[in-house]
Amino acid sequence: MDTLVRAVSAIEAINRVVGKGTAWLTLATVLICATVVLLRYMFGIGYVWMQELYVWTHAMTFLLASGFAYLLNAHVRVDIFYAGMSQRGRAWVDLCGVVFLLMPWLALLGWTAWTYVSYSWLTNERSVQNDGMPAVYVLKATMLGFVALLGLQGLAWIGRSVLVLAGRQPPPAETLTGPAG
């Protein structure tokens, strides 16, 4: 069980680092978008690549920070019944949700995205716009990053659930307001 605690902690550390690093893409999105607007409306200048870039950073923020959002329990959940359950009841719901819903969906998404992404890399895909972003395959590859990071966090939730069901205390979880004890 100590190995499971260490594995959960390691996975969550990965998602914490990636999530906090990815948060900077939000600032980049805002700055790039503001620059596009200023250039267009103040100087009459427009760059297609720059418009595409802020769409990319916005998409990458959501894709790469999803595992971190799941770590923080900041995902969409209908808490009508869940909030009133015991810790063991919530552990069962989390375990079944990850095993029977999240993981099969991620497996299907990863399998279908792999062909899409690998074709993009093999063809050195560029934007369809003349002056658009050159390496579209980088954006598409973040779909696989999404699958990997959310899948890892799903494994961490499985580990947390198993620990609770075994009567062990899982490692302290980080929440939106900070580490929980």
C-alpha atoms as a PDB file:
ATOM      1  CA  MET A   1       0.000   0.000   0.000  1.00  0.00           C
ATOM      2  CA  ASP A   2       2.920   2.347   0.589  1.00  0.00           C
ATOM      3  CA  THR A   3       3.870   1.886  -3.071  1.00  0.00           C
ATOM      4  CA  LEU A   4       0.353   2.904  -4.060  1.00  0.00           C
ATOM      5  CA  VAL A   5       0.594   6.046  -1.919  1.00  0.00           C
ATOM      6  CA  ARG A   6       3.906   6.935  -3.586  1.00  0.00           C
ATOM      7  CA  ALA A   7       2.463   6.267  -7.070  1.00  0.00           C
ATOM      8  CA  VAL A   8      -0.573   8.488  -6.390  1.00  0.00           C
ATOM      9  CA  SER A   9       1.713  11.236  -5.065  1.00  0.00           C
ATOM     10  CA  ALA A  10       4.039  10.967  -8.083  1.00  0.00           C
ATOM     11  CA  ILE A  11       1.185  11.126 -10.612  1.00  0.00           C
ATOM     12  CA  GLU A  12      -0.346  14.088  -8.833  1.00  0.00           C
ATOM     13  CA  ALA A  13       3.025  15.843  -8.736  1.00  0.00           C
ATOM     14  CA  ILE A  14       3.277  15.469 -12.520  1.00  0.00           C
ATOM     15  CA  ASN A  15      -0.191  16.920 -13.055  1.00  0.00           C
ATOM     16  CA  ARG A  16       0.506  19.701 -10.563  1.00  0.00           C
ATOM     17  CA  VAL A  17       3.682  20.761 -12.403  1.00  0.00           C
ATOM     18  CA  VAL A  18       2.072  20.516 -15.855  1.00  0.00           C
ATOM     19  CA  GLY A  19      -1.086  22.287 -14.681  1.00  0.00           C
ATOM     20  CA  LYS A  20       0.718  25.171 -13.038  1.00  0.00           C
ATOM     21  CA  GLY A  21       3.021  25.512 -16.042  1.00  0.00           C
ATOM     22  CA  THR A  22       0.092  25.392 -18.425  1.00  0.00           C
ATOM     23  CA  ALA A  23      -1.630  28.169 -16.487  1.00  0.00           C
ATOM     24  CA  TRP A  24       0.901  30.533 -18.054  1.00  0.00           C
ATOM     25  CA  LEU A  25      -0.669  29.766 -21.422  1.00  0.00           C
ATOM     26  CA  THR A  26      -3.740  31.640 -20.184  1.00  0.00           C
ATOM     27  CA  LEU A  27      -1.672  34.785 -19.787  1.00  0.00           C
ATOM     28  CA  ALA A  28      -0.107  34.181 -23.205  1.00  0.00           C
ATOM     29  CA  THR A  29      -3.592  33.811 -24.729  1.00  0.00           C
ATOM     30  CA  VAL A  30      -4.746  37.113 -23.263  1.00  0.00           C
ATOM     31  CA  LEU A  31      -1.595  38.988 -24.300  1.00  0.00           C
ATOM     32  CA  ILE A  32      -1.617  37.590 -27.841  1.00  0.00           C
ATOM     33  CA  CYS A  33      -5.328  38.298 -28.263  1.00  0.00           C
ATOM     34  CA  ALA A  34      -4.894  41.856 -26.966  1.00  0.00           C
ATOM     35  CA  THR A  35      -1.993  42.367 -29.357  1.00  0.00           C
ATOM     36  CA  VAL A  36      -4.098  41.116 -32.297  1.00  0.00           C
ATOM     37  CA  VAL A  37      -6.894  43.519 -31.377  1.00  0.00           C
ATOM     38  CA  LEU A  38      -4.553  46.489 -30.893  1.00  0.00           C
ATOM     39  CA  LEU A  39      -2.716  45.848 -34.155  1.00  0.00           C
ATOM     40  CA  ARG A  40      -5.930  45.446 -36.112  1.00  0.00           C
ATOM     41  CA  TYR A  41      -7.982  48.323 -34.741  1.00  0.00           C
ATOM     42  CA  MET A  42      -5.259  50.852 -33.999  1.00  0.00           C
ATOM     43  CA  PHE A  43      -2.862  50.221 -36.886  1.00  0.00           C
ATOM     44  CA  GLY A  44      -4.898  48.264 -39.438  1.00  0.00           C
ATOM     45  CA  ILE A  45      -2.410  45.377 -39.320  1.00  0.00           C
ATOM     46  CA  GLY A  46      -3.416  41.753 -39.105  1.00  0.00           C
ATOM     47  CA  TYR A  47      -1.417  38.548 -38.905  1.00  0.00           C
ATOM     48  CA  VAL A  48      -3.160  35.241 -39.515  1.00  0.00           C
ATOM     49  CA  TRP A  49      -0.492  33.298 -37.610  1.00  0.00           C
ATOM     50  CA  MET A  50      -1.017  35.486 -34.557  1.00  0.00           C
ATOM     51  CA  GLN A  51      -4.775  34.953 -34.631  1.00  0.00           C
ATOM     52  CA  GLU A  52      -4.227  31.211 -34.880  1.00  0.00           C
ATOM     53  CA  LEU A  53      -1.634  31.328 -32.103  1.00  0.00           C
ATOM     54  CA  TYR A  54      -4.039  32.575 -29.448  1.00  0.00           C
ATOM     55  CA  VAL A  55      -6.560  29.924 -30.467  1.00  0.00           C
ATOM     56  CA  TRP A  56      -3.772  27.360 -30.072  1.00  0.00           C
ATOM     57  CA  THR A  57      -2.718  28.581 -26.633  1.00  0.00           C
ATOM     58  CA  HIS A  58      -6.354  28.608 -25.523  1.00  0.00           C
ATOM     59  CA  ALA A  59      -6.882  25.033 -26.748  1.00  0.00           C
ATOM     60  CA  MET A  60      -3.619  23.836 -25.202  1.00  0.00           C
ATOM     61  CA  THR A  61      -4.590  25.371 -21.866  1.00  0.00           C
ATOM     62  CA  PHE A  62      -7.762  23.312 -21.686  1.00  0.00           C
ATOM     63  CA  LEU A  63      -6.241  20.122 -23.015  1.00  0.00           C
ATOM     64  CA  LEU A  64      -3.082  20.083 -20.929  1.00  0.00           C
ATOM     65  CA  ALA A  65      -4.625  21.390 -17.692  1.00  0.00           C
ATOM     66  CA  SER A  66      -7.468  18.846 -17.599  1.00  0.00           C
ATOM     67  CA  GLY A  67      -5.511  16.389 -15.452  1.00  0.00           C
ATOM     68  CA  PHE A  68      -4.712  19.220 -13.035  1.00  0.00           C
ATOM     69  CA  ALA A  69      -8.383  20.243 -12.913  1.00  0.00           C
ATOM     70  CA  TYR A  70      -9.291  16.636 -12.114  1.00  0.00           C
ATOM     71  CA  LEU A  71      -6.616  16.580  -9.399  1.00  0.00           C
ATOM     72  CA  LEU A  72      -8.191  19.689  -7.848  1.00  0.00           C
ATOM     73  CA  ASN A  73     -11.655  18.141  -8.131  1.00  0.00           C
ATOM     74  CA  ALA A  74     -12.573  21.177 -10.241  1.00  0.00           C
ATOM     75  CA  HIS A  75     -14.312  19.178 -12.953  1.00  0.00           C
ATOM     76  CA  VAL A  76     -18.062  19.163 -13.551  1.00  0.00           C
ATOM     77  CA  ARG A  77     -19.856  16.850 -11.168  1.00  0.00           C
ATOM     78  CA  VAL A  78     -23.479  16.502 -10.137  1.00  0.00           C
ATOM     79  CA  ASP A  79     -23.177  16.516  -6.347  1.00  0.00           C
ATOM     80  CA  ILE A  80     -26.809  15.826  -5.490  1.00  0.00           C
ATOM     81  CA  PHE A  81     -25.989  12.414  -4.030  1.00  0.00           C
ATOM     82  CA  TYR A  82     -22.190  12.385  -3.996  1.00  0.00           C
ATOM     83  CA  ALA A  83     -21.769  15.232  -1.494  1.00  0.00           C
ATOM     84  CA  GLY A  84     -23.873  13.447   1.119  1.00  0.00           C
ATOM     85  CA  MET A  85     -22.089  10.104   0.794  1.00  0.00           C
ATOM     86  CA  SER A  86     -19.581   8.694   3.221  1.00  0.00           C
ATOM     87  CA  GLN A  87     -15.910   8.667   2.266  1.00  0.00           C
ATOM     88  CA  ARG A  88     -16.226   4.984   1.320  1.00  0.00           C
ATOM     89  CA  GLY A  89     -19.319   5.690  -0.794  1.00  0.00           C
ATOM     90  CA  ARG A  90     -17.523   8.461  -2.652  1.00  0.00           C
ATOM     91  CA  ALA A  91     -14.542   6.138  -3.135  1.00  0.00           C
ATOM     92  CA  TRP A  92     -16.822   3.559  -4.788  1.00  0.00           C
ATOM     93  CA  VAL A  93     -18.386   6.204  -7.045  1.00  0.00           C
ATOM     94  CA  ASP A  94     -14.942   7.546  -7.998  1.00  0.00           C
ATOM     95  CA  LEU A  95     -13.569   4.056  -8.633  1.00  0.00           C
ATOM     96  CA  CYS A  96     -16.509   2.974 -10.805  1.00  0.00           C
ATOM     97  CA  GLY A  97     -16.623   6.298 -12.631  1.00  0.00           C
ATOM     98  CA  VAL A  98     -12.956   6.139 -13.566  1.00  0.00           C
ATOM     99  CA  VAL A  99     -12.913   2.433 -14.453  1.00  0.00           C
ATOM    100  CA  PHE A 100     -16.200   2.250 -16.369  1.00  0.00           C
ATOM    101  CA  LEU A 101     -16.560   5.763 -17.792  1.00  0.00           C
ATOM    102  CA  LEU A 102     -13.329   7.777 -17.905  1.00  0.00           C
ATOM    103  CA  MET A 103     -10.826   5.090 -18.893  1.00  0.00           C
ATOM    104  CA  PRO A 104     -12.879   3.547 -21.726  1.00  0.00           C
ATOM    105  CA  TRP A 105     -13.570   7.027 -23.115  1.00  0.00           C
ATOM    106  CA  LEU A 106      -9.881   7.971 -22.913  1.00  0.00           C
ATOM    107  CA  ALA A 107      -8.873   4.677 -24.556  1.00  0.00           C
ATOM    108  CA  LEU A 108     -11.246   5.343 -27.457  1.00  0.00           C
ATOM    109  CA  LEU A 109     -10.126   8.947 -27.755  1.00  0.00           C
ATOM    110  CA  GLY A 110      -6.442   7.994 -27.637  1.00  0.00           C
ATOM    111  CA  TRP A 111      -6.916   5.249 -30.208  1.00  0.00           C
ATOM    112  CA  THR A 112      -8.794   7.478 -32.658  1.00  0.00           C
ATOM    113  CA  ALA A 113      -6.551  10.509 -32.060  1.00  0.00           C
ATOM    114  CA  TRP A 114      -3.381   8.495 -32.639  1.00  0.00           C
ATOM    115  CA  THR A 115      -4.087   8.080 -36.372  1.00  0.00           C
ATOM    116  CA  TYR A 116      -5.121  11.720 -36.689  1.00  0.00           C
ATOM    117  CA  VAL A 117      -2.032  12.995 -34.867  1.00  0.00           C
ATOM    118  CA  SER A 118       0.468  10.618 -36.488  1.00  0.00           C
ATOM    119  CA  TYR A 119      -0.776  11.522 -39.972  1.00  0.00           C
ATOM    120  CA  SER A 120      -0.352  15.197 -39.104  1.00  0.00           C
ATOM    121  CA  TRP A 121       3.264  14.577 -37.990  1.00  0.00           C
ATOM    122  CA  LEU A 122       4.083  12.409 -41.013  1.00  0.00           C
ATOM    123  CA  THR A 123       2.807  15.030 -43.437  1.00  0.00           C
ATOM    124  CA  ASN A 124       4.348  17.955 -41.542  1.00  0.00           C
ATOM    125  CA  GLU A 125       0.892  19.532 -41.506  1.00  0.00           C
ATOM    126  CA  ARG A 126       0.662  23.302 -41.743  1.00  0.00           C
ATOM    127  CA  SER A 127      -2.238  25.695 -41.392  1.00  0.00           C
ATOM    128  CA  VAL A 128      -4.622  25.855 -44.339  1.00  0.00           C
ATOM    129  CA  GLN A 129      -4.172  29.642 -44.273  1.00  0.00           C
ATOM    130  CA  ASN A 130      -1.268  31.033 -46.316  1.00  0.00           C
ATOM    131  CA  ASP A 131       0.297  32.903 -43.419  1.00  0.00           C
ATOM    132  CA  GLY A 132      -0.966  30.577 -40.702  1.00  0.00           C
ATOM    133  CA  MET A 133       0.891  28.613 -38.062  1.00  0.00           C
ATOM    134  CA  PRO A 134       3.458  26.202 -39.464  1.00  0.00           C
ATOM    135  CA  ALA A 135       3.404  23.159 -37.148  1.00  0.00           C
ATOM    136  CA  VAL A 136      -0.254  22.162 -36.768  1.00  0.00           C
ATOM    137  CA  TYR A 137       0.909  18.716 -35.661  1.00  0.00           C
ATOM    138  CA  VAL A 138       2.127  20.244 -32.381  1.00  0.00           C
ATOM    139  CA  LEU A 139      -1.395  21.429 -31.575  1.00  0.00           C
ATOM    140  CA  LYS A 140      -2.873  18.078 -32.555  1.00  0.00           C
ATOM    141  CA  ALA A 141      -0.337  16.239 -30.387  1.00  0.00           C
ATOM    142  CA  THR A 142      -1.757  17.967 -27.320  1.00  0.00           C
ATOM    143  CA  MET A 143      -4.786  15.690 -27.724  1.00  0.00           C
ATOM    144  CA  LEU A 144      -2.518  12.791 -26.806  1.00  0.00           C
ATOM    145  CA  GLY A 145      -1.132  14.859 -23.937  1.00  0.00           C
ATOM    146  CA  PHE A 146      -4.706  15.340 -22.761  1.00  0.00           C
ATOM    147  CA  VAL A 147      -5.351  11.591 -22.868  1.00  0.00           C
ATOM    148  CA  ALA A 148      -2.096  10.814 -21.050  1.00  0.00           C
ATOM    149  CA  LEU A 149      -2.444  13.429 -18.297  1.00  0.00           C
ATOM    150  CA  LEU A 150      -6.131  12.819 -17.653  1.00  0.00           C
ATOM    151  CA  GLY A 151      -5.523   9.065 -17.788  1.00  0.00           C
ATOM    152  CA  LEU A 152      -2.714   9.359 -15.251  1.00  0.00           C
ATOM    153  CA  GLN A 153      -4.936  11.383 -12.950  1.00  0.00           C
ATOM    154  CA  GLY A 154      -7.654   8.762 -13.407  1.00  0.00           C
ATOM    155  CA  LEU A 155      -5.151   6.152 -12.223  1.00  0.00           C
ATOM    156  CA  ALA A 156      -4.391   8.367  -9.225  1.00  0.00           C
ATOM    157  CA  TRP A 157      -8.118   8.509  -8.392  1.00  0.00           C
ATOM    158  CA  ILE A 158      -8.291   4.729  -8.669  1.00  0.00           C
ATOM    159  CA  GLY A 159      -5.348   4.542  -6.253  1.00  0.00           C
ATOM    160  CA  ARG A 160      -7.006   7.003  -3.857  1.00  0.00           C
ATOM    161  CA  SER A 161     -10.239   5.000  -3.971  1.00  0.00           C
ATOM    162  CA  VAL A 162      -8.459   1.699  -3.340  1.00  0.00           C
ATOM    163  CA  LEU A 163      -6.632   3.221  -0.375  1.00  0.00           C
ATOM    164  CA  VAL A 164      -9.883   4.508   1.149  1.00  0.00           C
ATOM    165  CA  LEU A 165     -11.646   1.176   0.575  1.00  0.00           C
ATOM    166  CA  ALA A 166      -8.689  -0.623   2.198  1.00  0.00           C
ATOM    167  CA  GLY A 167      -9.003   1.613   5.252  1.00  0.00           C
ATOM    168  CA  ARG A 168      -5.844   3.587   4.477  1.00  0.00           C
ATOM    169  CA  GLN A 169      -5.556   7.344   4.358  1.00  0.00           C
ATOM    170  CA  PRO A 170      -4.703   8.611   0.849  1.00  0.00           C
ATOM    171  CA  PRO A 171      -2.028  11.296   0.491  1.00  0.00           C
ATOM    172  CA  PRO A 172      -3.259  14.833   1.175  1.00  0.00           C
ATOM    173  CA  ALA A 173      -5.125  16.196  -1.828  1.00  0.00           C
ATOM    174  CA  GLU A 174      -4.638  19.648  -3.227  1.00  0.00           C
ATOM    175  CA  THR A 175      -7.842  21.609  -3.744  1.00  0.00           C
ATOM    176  CA  LEU A 176      -8.685  24.903  -5.397  1.00  0.00           C
ATOM    177  CA  THR A 177      -8.009  26.621  -2.093  1.00  0.00           C
ATOM    178  CA  GLY A 178      -4.721  24.843  -1.372  1.00  0.00           C
ATOM    179  CA  PRO A 179      -3.445  21.578   0.095  1.00  0.00           C
ATOM    180  CA  ALA A 180      -5.885  19.667   2.272  1.00  0.00           C
ATOM    181  CA  GLY A 181      -4.718  17.897   5.362  1.00  0.00           C
END
